């Protein structure tokens, strides 16, 4: 079976791309079928600002306007749990619901490279931040 698909590619300056909807913003204006841009999540696994039911623009960055009540309950529970195992379980619920519904597609992950002096010891940057535990770093 052959499927025909038409696509019009538009490039926008950042100020217009992420402007509020009332100012003609593309992403927050919800007048698109597919959009691509880069962002990052926080190290705790809090996805509420980008996938929370109450985070539709202009109240947040839920640009795809995805609202899953089971995922929302897990996002809310994350803030009441301090034990890593409980937090991990909360994030797994969100990710399972995300995978089931596919509200967005992650097309690539950026790899960050950090250059530093060879005399620097105990420096271990990770995927989320170059600042590791700076209390253990020495030069």
Protein backbone atom coordinates (compact mmCIF):
# COMPACT_ATOMS: atom_id res chain seq x y z
CA UNK A 1 0.00 0.00 0.00
CA UNK A 2 1.29 3.44 -0.89
CA UNK A 3 0.65 6.36 1.43
CA UNK A 4 1.19 9.91 0.29
CA UNK A 5 2.26 12.45 2.85
CA UNK A 6 2.78 16.13 2.30
CA UNK A 7 4.88 18.24 4.60
CA UNK A 8 5.60 21.94 4.73
CA UNK A 9 8.73 22.80 6.70
CA UNK A 10 8.83 26.20 8.41
CA UNK A 11 11.78 27.64 10.31
CA UNK A 12 11.08 30.29 12.93
CA UNK A 13 13.33 32.52 15.02
CA UNK A 14 13.35 31.48 18.69
CA UNK A 15 11.53 34.62 19.79
CA UNK A 16 8.57 33.73 17.56
CA UNK A 17 8.80 29.96 18.06
CA UNK A 18 8.40 30.21 21.86
CA UNK A 19 6.45 33.45 22.17
CA UNK A 20 3.13 33.35 24.04
CA UNK A 21 0.15 32.37 21.90
CA UNK A 22 -1.31 35.89 22.14
CA UNK A 23 1.87 37.22 20.53
CA UNK A 24 1.73 34.74 17.63
CA UNK A 25 3.96 32.09 19.22
CA UNK A 26 4.15 28.91 17.18
CA UNK A 27 4.58 26.22 19.84
CA UNK A 28 2.23 27.71 22.43
CA UNK A 29 -0.28 28.68 19.75
CA UNK A 30 -1.23 25.06 19.08
CA UNK A 31 -1.48 25.58 15.32
CA UNK A 32 0.83 22.77 14.23
CA UNK A 33 0.77 19.02 13.58
CA UNK A 34 4.45 18.26 14.26
CA UNK A 35 7.05 20.43 15.94
CA UNK A 36 10.62 19.72 16.94
CA UNK A 37 12.87 21.47 19.43
CA UNK A 38 15.21 20.60 22.28
CA UNK A 39 14.60 20.70 26.02
CA UNK A 40 15.76 18.84 29.08
CA UNK A 41 14.12 17.45 32.18
CA UNK A 42 15.20 17.87 35.76
CA UNK A 43 17.33 15.30 37.60
CA UNK A 44 14.49 14.24 39.94
CA UNK A 45 12.24 12.87 37.22
CA UNK A 46 9.61 15.59 37.54
CA UNK A 47 7.77 15.73 34.22
CA UNK A 48 4.84 17.78 35.51
CA UNK A 49 5.81 21.04 33.79
CA UNK A 50 5.99 19.39 30.36
CA UNK A 51 3.36 16.64 30.65
CA UNK A 52 1.17 17.61 33.60
CA UNK A 53 -2.57 18.01 33.09
CA UNK A 54 -2.40 21.50 34.61
CA UNK A 55 0.58 22.58 32.54
CA UNK A 56 -1.08 23.45 29.23
CA UNK A 57 0.26 26.76 27.93
CA UNK A 58 0.35 29.41 29.25
CA UNK A 59 0.40 27.62 32.66
CA UNK A 60 3.31 25.36 31.66
CA UNK A 61 5.12 23.69 28.79
CA UNK A 62 2.73 20.82 28.04
CA UNK A 63 2.81 21.79 24.38
CA UNK A 64 1.31 18.48 23.22
CA UNK A 65 -1.55 18.99 25.68
CA UNK A 66 -1.31 15.39 26.92
CA UNK A 67 -3.31 14.65 30.04
CA UNK A 68 -3.21 11.16 31.52
CA UNK A 69 -4.76 10.90 34.97
CA UNK A 70 -2.67 7.90 36.09
CA UNK A 71 0.51 9.68 35.01
CA UNK A 72 -0.66 12.86 36.73
CA UNK A 73 -1.26 10.98 40.00
CA UNK A 74 2.28 9.58 39.80
CA UNK A 75 3.71 13.05 39.04
CA UNK A 76 1.88 14.42 42.09
CA UNK A 77 3.04 11.53 44.29
CA UNK A 78 6.68 12.15 43.35
CA UNK A 79 6.76 15.27 45.54
CA UNK A 80 5.52 13.37 48.59
CA UNK A 81 8.13 10.63 48.35
CA UNK A 82 11.69 11.06 49.50
CA UNK A 83 12.78 7.44 49.25
CA UNK A 84 14.55 6.76 45.93
CA UNK A 85 12.69 3.47 45.39
CA UNK A 86 9.32 5.22 45.75
CA UNK A 87 10.37 8.06 43.45
CA UNK A 88 11.61 5.53 40.89
CA UNK A 89 8.25 3.74 41.02
CA UNK A 90 6.44 7.06 40.44
CA UNK A 91 8.60 7.88 37.42
CA UNK A 92 8.07 4.35 36.02
CA UNK A 93 4.30 4.88 36.09
CA UNK A 94 4.69 8.14 34.16
CA UNK A 95 7.02 6.51 31.64
CA UNK A 96 4.73 3.49 31.12
CA UNK A 97 1.78 5.78 30.41
CA UNK A 98 4.00 7.92 28.16
CA UNK A 99 5.11 4.86 26.17
CA UNK A 100 1.51 3.63 25.87
CA UNK A 101 0.18 6.95 24.54
CA UNK A 102 3.28 8.34 22.75
CA UNK A 103 2.41 12.02 23.21
CA UNK A 104 5.83 12.94 21.85
CA UNK A 105 8.76 11.18 20.26
CA UNK A 106 12.30 11.58 21.53
CA UNK A 107 14.36 11.72 18.36
CA UNK A 108 17.82 12.06 19.86
CA UNK A 109 19.75 12.62 23.07
CA UNK A 110 22.50 15.17 23.17
CA UNK A 111 25.88 14.00 24.42
CA UNK A 112 27.73 16.63 26.38
CA UNK A 113 31.52 16.69 26.48
CA UNK A 114 33.39 18.42 29.29
CA UNK A 115 37.02 19.49 29.08
CA UNK A 116 38.95 19.92 32.31
CA UNK A 117 42.49 20.04 33.66
CA UNK A 118 44.04 16.60 34.33
CA UNK A 119 44.88 17.76 37.87
CA UNK A 120 41.18 17.88 38.70
CA UNK A 121 40.22 14.88 40.80
CA UNK A 122 36.89 13.35 41.83
CA UNK A 123 35.00 15.11 39.04
CA UNK A 124 32.24 12.91 37.59
CA UNK A 125 29.80 14.87 35.38
CA UNK A 126 26.61 13.05 34.42
CA UNK A 127 23.79 13.24 31.86
CA UNK A 128 21.90 15.92 33.74
CA UNK A 129 24.53 18.32 35.01
CA UNK A 130 28.23 19.01 34.62
CA UNK A 131 28.45 19.95 38.30
CA UNK A 132 28.46 16.49 39.92
CA UNK A 133 29.10 16.67 43.67
CA UNK A 134 31.49 19.60 43.75
CA UNK A 135 32.21 19.10 47.46
CA UNK A 136 34.40 16.10 46.51
CA UNK A 137 36.27 17.79 43.66
CA UNK A 138 39.85 18.94 44.17
CA UNK A 139 42.68 20.37 42.10
